[in-house]
Amino acid sequence: MSRACSRAAANYRDGRVIKIEPIARYETPELAYLVEVERFEAKVGGGDERRPVALRVTTIFGLEHGAWKVVHRHADPITTERPVESVLEG
């Protein structure tokens, strides 16, 4: 596991999946992607109680030697529509 994945995984513990909500998917003979909202409960950071968490997740797969492998995964807390102005700094 990469250092970035290990660091991200260390933020969540003792969790359980509540629901996976599919948003989009696309597949070619060599590449595929999924966009989903992952809803789960976990102990976050140094907290001692399980808290609800929702992440928008994009996962990209590549076909390697006949098997699908994750080549990229991105998750962020943006799970609802936002106005375009939300991207502006300051």
N, C-alpha and C. Protein backbone atom coordinates (compact mmCIF):
# COMPACT_ATOMS: atom_id res chain seq x y z
N MET A 1 0.85 -1.17 0.00
CA MET A 1 0.00 0.00 0.00
C MET A 1 0.90 1.24 0.00
N SER A 2 0.53 2.25 -0.77
CA SER A 2 1.33 3.47 -0.85
C SER A 2 1.28 4.24 0.47
N ARG A 3 2.22 5.13 0.65
CA ARG A 3 2.26 5.96 1.85
C ARG A 3 1.01 6.82 1.96
N ALA A 4 0.53 7.36 0.83
CA ALA A 4 -0.68 8.19 0.84
C ALA A 4 -1.90 7.37 1.26
N CYS A 5 -2.01 6.13 0.76
CA CYS A 5 -3.15 5.27 1.13
C CYS A 5 -3.07 4.90 2.61
N SER A 6 -1.88 4.60 3.09
CA SER A 6 -1.72 4.26 4.50
C SER A 6 -2.10 5.43 5.39
N ARG A 7 -1.68 6.64 5.00
CA ARG A 7 -2.00 7.84 5.78
C ARG A 7 -3.51 8.08 5.79
N ALA A 8 -4.16 7.95 4.63
CA ALA A 8 -5.61 8.15 4.55
C ALA A 8 -6.35 7.10 5.37
N ALA A 9 -5.95 5.85 5.26
CA ALA A 9 -6.62 4.77 5.99
C ALA A 9 -6.46 4.94 7.50
N ALA A 10 -5.37 5.53 7.95
CA ALA A 10 -5.14 5.71 9.39
C ALA A 10 -6.13 6.69 10.02
N ASN A 11 -6.82 7.49 9.21
CA ASN A 11 -7.79 8.46 9.73
C ASN A 11 -9.12 7.82 10.11
N TYR A 12 -9.38 6.60 9.65
CA TYR A 12 -10.66 5.94 9.89
C TYR A 12 -10.40 4.56 10.48
N ARG A 13 -11.15 4.20 11.53
CA ARG A 13 -10.99 2.86 12.10
C ARG A 13 -12.32 2.38 12.67
N ASP A 14 -12.40 1.08 12.85
CA ASP A 14 -13.59 0.44 13.42
C ASP A 14 -14.86 0.87 12.69
N GLY A 15 -14.79 0.89 11.37
CA GLY A 15 -15.93 1.37 10.59
C GLY A 15 -16.76 0.27 9.99
N ARG A 16 -17.88 0.70 9.42
CA ARG A 16 -18.74 -0.24 8.69
C ARG A 16 -19.45 0.53 7.58
N VAL A 17 -19.63 -0.13 6.46
CA VAL A 17 -20.30 0.47 5.31
C VAL A 17 -21.80 0.51 5.58
N ILE A 18 -22.41 1.64 5.28
CA ILE A 18 -23.86 1.80 5.40
C ILE A 18 -24.51 1.62 4.03
N LYS A 19 -23.96 2.31 3.03
CA LYS A 19 -24.58 2.28 1.70
C LYS A 19 -23.58 2.78 0.66
N ILE A 20 -23.61 2.18 -0.52
CA ILE A 20 -22.85 2.65 -1.67
C ILE A 20 -23.87 3.11 -2.71
N GLU A 21 -23.81 4.39 -3.08
CA GLU A 21 -24.75 4.96 -4.05
C GLU A 21 -24.05 5.17 -5.39
N PRO A 22 -24.37 4.38 -6.41
CA PRO A 22 -23.73 4.57 -7.71
C PRO A 22 -24.19 5.87 -8.37
N ILE A 23 -23.25 6.58 -8.96
CA ILE A 23 -23.55 7.82 -9.68
C ILE A 23 -23.34 7.60 -11.18
N ALA A 24 -22.18 7.05 -11.56
CA ALA A 24 -21.86 6.82 -12.97
C ALA A 24 -20.85 5.70 -13.09
N ARG A 25 -20.86 5.07 -14.26
CA ARG A 25 -19.84 4.06 -14.57
C ARG A 25 -19.64 4.03 -16.07
N TYR A 26 -18.43 3.65 -16.47
CA TYR A 26 -18.10 3.57 -17.88
C TYR A 26 -17.02 2.52 -18.04
N GLU A 27 -17.09 1.77 -19.12
CA GLU A 27 -16.12 0.70 -19.34
C GLU A 27 -15.74 0.62 -20.80
N THR A 28 -14.44 0.51 -21.05
CA THR A 28 -13.91 0.20 -22.38
C THR A 28 -13.20 -1.15 -22.24
N PRO A 29 -12.67 -1.69 -23.33
CA PRO A 29 -11.94 -2.97 -23.19
C PRO A 29 -10.70 -2.89 -22.29
N GLU A 30 -10.15 -1.69 -22.07
CA GLU A 30 -8.92 -1.59 -21.28
C GLU A 30 -9.01 -0.67 -20.07
N LEU A 31 -10.09 0.11 -19.95
CA LEU A 31 -10.20 1.09 -18.88
C LEU A 31 -11.65 1.17 -18.40
N ALA A 32 -11.84 1.41 -17.11
CA ALA A 32 -13.20 1.56 -16.57
C ALA A 32 -13.14 2.54 -15.40
N TYR A 33 -14.29 3.18 -15.12
CA TYR A 33 -14.34 4.01 -13.93
C TYR A 33 -15.70 3.90 -13.27
N LEU A 34 -15.71 4.18 -11.97
CA LEU A 34 -16.93 4.25 -11.17
C LEU A 34 -16.92 5.57 -10.41
N VAL A 35 -18.07 6.21 -10.32
CA VAL A 35 -18.25 7.36 -9.44
C VAL A 35 -19.38 6.97 -8.49
N GLU A 36 -19.12 7.06 -7.19
CA GLU A 36 -20.08 6.62 -6.19
C GLU A 36 -20.03 7.55 -4.98
N VAL A 37 -21.09 7.51 -4.18
CA VAL A 37 -21.06 8.12 -2.86
C VAL A 37 -21.00 6.96 -1.88
N GLU A 38 -19.94 6.94 -1.07
CA GLU A 38 -19.77 5.91 -0.05
C GLU A 38 -20.23 6.48 1.29
N ARG A 39 -21.19 5.82 1.92
CA ARG A 39 -21.68 6.24 3.23
C ARG A 39 -21.29 5.16 4.23
N PHE A 40 -20.63 5.58 5.30
CA PHE A 40 -20.19 4.62 6.30
C PHE A 40 -20.12 5.30 7.66
N GLU A 41 -19.91 4.49 8.70
CA GLU A 41 -19.68 4.98 10.05
C GLU A 41 -18.28 4.54 10.44
N ALA A 42 -17.55 5.42 11.12
CA ALA A 42 -16.21 5.06 11.57
C ALA A 42 -15.78 5.99 12.69
N LYS A 43 -14.78 5.54 13.43
CA LYS A 43 -14.10 6.42 14.37
C LYS A 43 -13.12 7.23 13.53
N VAL A 44 -13.25 8.55 13.60
CA VAL A 44 -12.48 9.44 12.73
C VAL A 44 -11.40 10.14 13.54
N GLY A 45 -10.17 10.15 12.99
CA GLY A 45 -9.05 10.79 13.69
C GLY A 45 -8.85 10.14 15.04
N GLY A 46 -8.77 10.95 16.08
CA GLY A 46 -8.57 10.43 17.43
C GLY A 46 -9.86 10.19 18.18
N GLY A 47 -11.01 10.33 17.52
CA GLY A 47 -12.30 10.17 18.19
C GLY A 47 -12.57 8.75 18.65
N ASP A 48 -13.40 8.63 19.68
CA ASP A 48 -13.72 7.32 20.24
C ASP A 48 -15.10 6.80 19.88
N GLU A 49 -15.92 7.62 19.19
CA GLU A 49 -17.25 7.14 18.81
C GLU A 49 -17.38 7.14 17.29
N ARG A 50 -18.17 6.19 16.81
CA ARG A 50 -18.42 6.12 15.37
C ARG A 50 -19.25 7.32 14.93
N ARG A 51 -18.85 7.91 13.82
CA ARG A 51 -19.55 9.06 13.26
C ARG A 51 -19.93 8.75 11.82
N PRO A 52 -21.03 9.30 11.32
CA PRO A 52 -21.39 9.08 9.92
C PRO A 52 -20.45 9.87 9.00
N VAL A 53 -20.06 9.24 7.91
CA VAL A 53 -19.16 9.84 6.93
C VAL A 53 -19.75 9.59 5.55
N ALA A 54 -19.67 10.59 4.66
CA ALA A 54 -20.07 10.43 3.27
C ALA A 54 -18.96 10.97 2.39
N LEU A 55 -18.52 10.16 1.44
CA LEU A 55 -17.47 10.56 0.52
C LEU A 55 -17.91 10.32 -0.92
N ARG A 56 -17.61 11.29 -1.79
CA ARG A 56 -17.76 11.09 -3.24
C ARG A 56 -16.46 10.45 -3.70
N VAL A 57 -16.58 9.30 -4.35
CA VAL A 57 -15.39 8.53 -4.72
C VAL A 57 -15.38 8.25 -6.21
N THR A 58 -14.23 8.51 -6.82
CA THR A 58 -13.99 8.13 -8.21
C THR A 58 -12.89 7.08 -8.21
N THR A 59 -13.16 5.94 -8.81
CA THR A 59 -12.18 4.86 -8.91
C THR A 59 -11.97 4.52 -10.38
N ILE A 60 -10.70 4.50 -10.79
CA ILE A 60 -10.35 4.18 -12.18
C ILE A 60 -9.62 2.84 -12.18
N PHE A 61 -10.05 1.96 -13.09
CA PHE A 61 -9.48 0.62 -13.21
C PHE A 61 -8.79 0.47 -14.56
N GLY A 62 -7.70 -0.26 -14.57
CA GLY A 62 -7.02 -0.62 -15.81
C GLY A 62 -6.95 -2.13 -15.91
N LEU A 63 -7.03 -2.64 -17.13
CA LEU A 63 -6.96 -4.09 -17.35
C LEU A 63 -5.49 -4.48 -17.49
N GLU A 64 -5.00 -5.32 -16.57
CA GLU A 64 -3.61 -5.77 -16.58
C GLU A 64 -3.57 -7.29 -16.56
N HIS A 65 -3.06 -7.88 -17.61
CA HIS A 65 -2.93 -9.34 -17.69
C HIS A 65 -4.25 -10.04 -17.43
N GLY A 66 -5.34 -9.50 -17.97
CA GLY A 66 -6.64 -10.13 -17.86
C GLY A 66 -7.41 -9.85 -16.57
N ALA A 67 -6.85 -9.02 -15.68
CA ALA A 67 -7.52 -8.71 -14.42
C ALA A 67 -7.65 -7.20 -14.25
N TRP A 68 -8.81 -6.77 -13.73
CA TRP A 68 -9.01 -5.35 -13.45
C TRP A 68 -8.26 -4.96 -12.19
N LYS A 69 -7.48 -3.88 -12.26
CA LYS A 69 -6.72 -3.39 -11.11
C LYS A 69 -7.04 -1.90 -10.91
N VAL A 70 -7.11 -1.47 -9.65
CA VAL A 70 -7.31 -0.05 -9.36
C VAL A 70 -6.03 0.70 -9.70
N VAL A 71 -6.14 1.70 -10.59
CA VAL A 71 -4.97 2.50 -10.95
C VAL A 71 -5.05 3.91 -10.36
N HIS A 72 -6.26 4.29 -9.91
CA HIS A 72 -6.41 5.61 -9.27
C HIS A 72 -7.71 5.62 -8.47
N ARG A 73 -7.66 6.26 -7.31
CA ARG A 73 -8.86 6.43 -6.49
C ARG A 73 -8.78 7.81 -5.86
N HIS A 74 -9.88 8.53 -5.94
CA HIS A 74 -9.96 9.86 -5.34
C HIS A 74 -11.25 9.93 -4.54
N ALA A 75 -11.17 10.45 -3.31
CA ALA A 75 -12.35 10.61 -2.48
C ALA A 75 -12.34 12.00 -1.87
N ASP A 76 -13.51 12.62 -1.81
CA ASP A 76 -13.63 13.92 -1.15
C ASP A 76 -15.02 14.03 -0.54
N PRO A 77 -15.23 15.00 0.36
CA PRO A 77 -16.51 15.10 1.06
C PRO A 77 -17.60 15.84 0.30
N ILE A 78 -17.40 16.15 -0.97
CA ILE A 78 -18.41 16.88 -1.73
C ILE A 78 -19.45 15.89 -2.24
N THR A 79 -20.58 15.81 -1.56
CA THR A 79 -21.62 14.83 -1.94
C THR A 79 -22.92 15.48 -2.38
N THR A 80 -22.98 16.81 -2.37
CA THR A 80 -24.17 17.52 -2.83
C THR A 80 -23.75 18.62 -3.80
N GLU A 81 -24.69 19.07 -4.61
CA GLU A 81 -24.40 20.14 -5.56
C GLU A 81 -24.02 21.40 -4.81
N ARG A 82 -23.10 22.16 -5.39
CA ARG A 82 -22.65 23.43 -4.83
C ARG A 82 -22.68 24.49 -5.91
N PRO A 83 -22.84 25.75 -5.52
CA PRO A 83 -22.81 26.80 -6.54
C PRO A 83 -21.41 26.95 -7.11
N VAL A 84 -21.32 27.41 -8.33
CA VAL A 84 -20.03 27.54 -9.00
C VAL A 84 -19.08 28.46 -8.20
N GLU A 85 -19.62 29.42 -7.49
CA GLU A 85 -18.80 30.35 -6.71
C GLU A 85 -18.03 29.66 -5.58
N SER A 86 -18.42 28.44 -5.22
CA SER A 86 -17.75 27.73 -4.13
C SER A 86 -16.29 27.39 -4.47
N VAL A 87 -15.90 27.48 -5.73
CA VAL A 87 -14.51 27.19 -6.10
C VAL A 87 -13.59 28.39 -5.95
N LEU A 88 -14.15 29.57 -5.73
CA LEU A 88 -13.36 30.79 -5.63
C LEU A 88 -12.62 30.87 -4.30
N GLU A 89 -11.36 31.29 -4.34
CA GLU A 89 -10.58 31.49 -3.12
C GLU A 89 -10.81 32.89 -2.58
N GLY A 90 -10.75 33.00 -1.26
CA GLY A 90 -10.79 34.29 -0.58
C GLY A 90 -12.04 35.01 -0.76
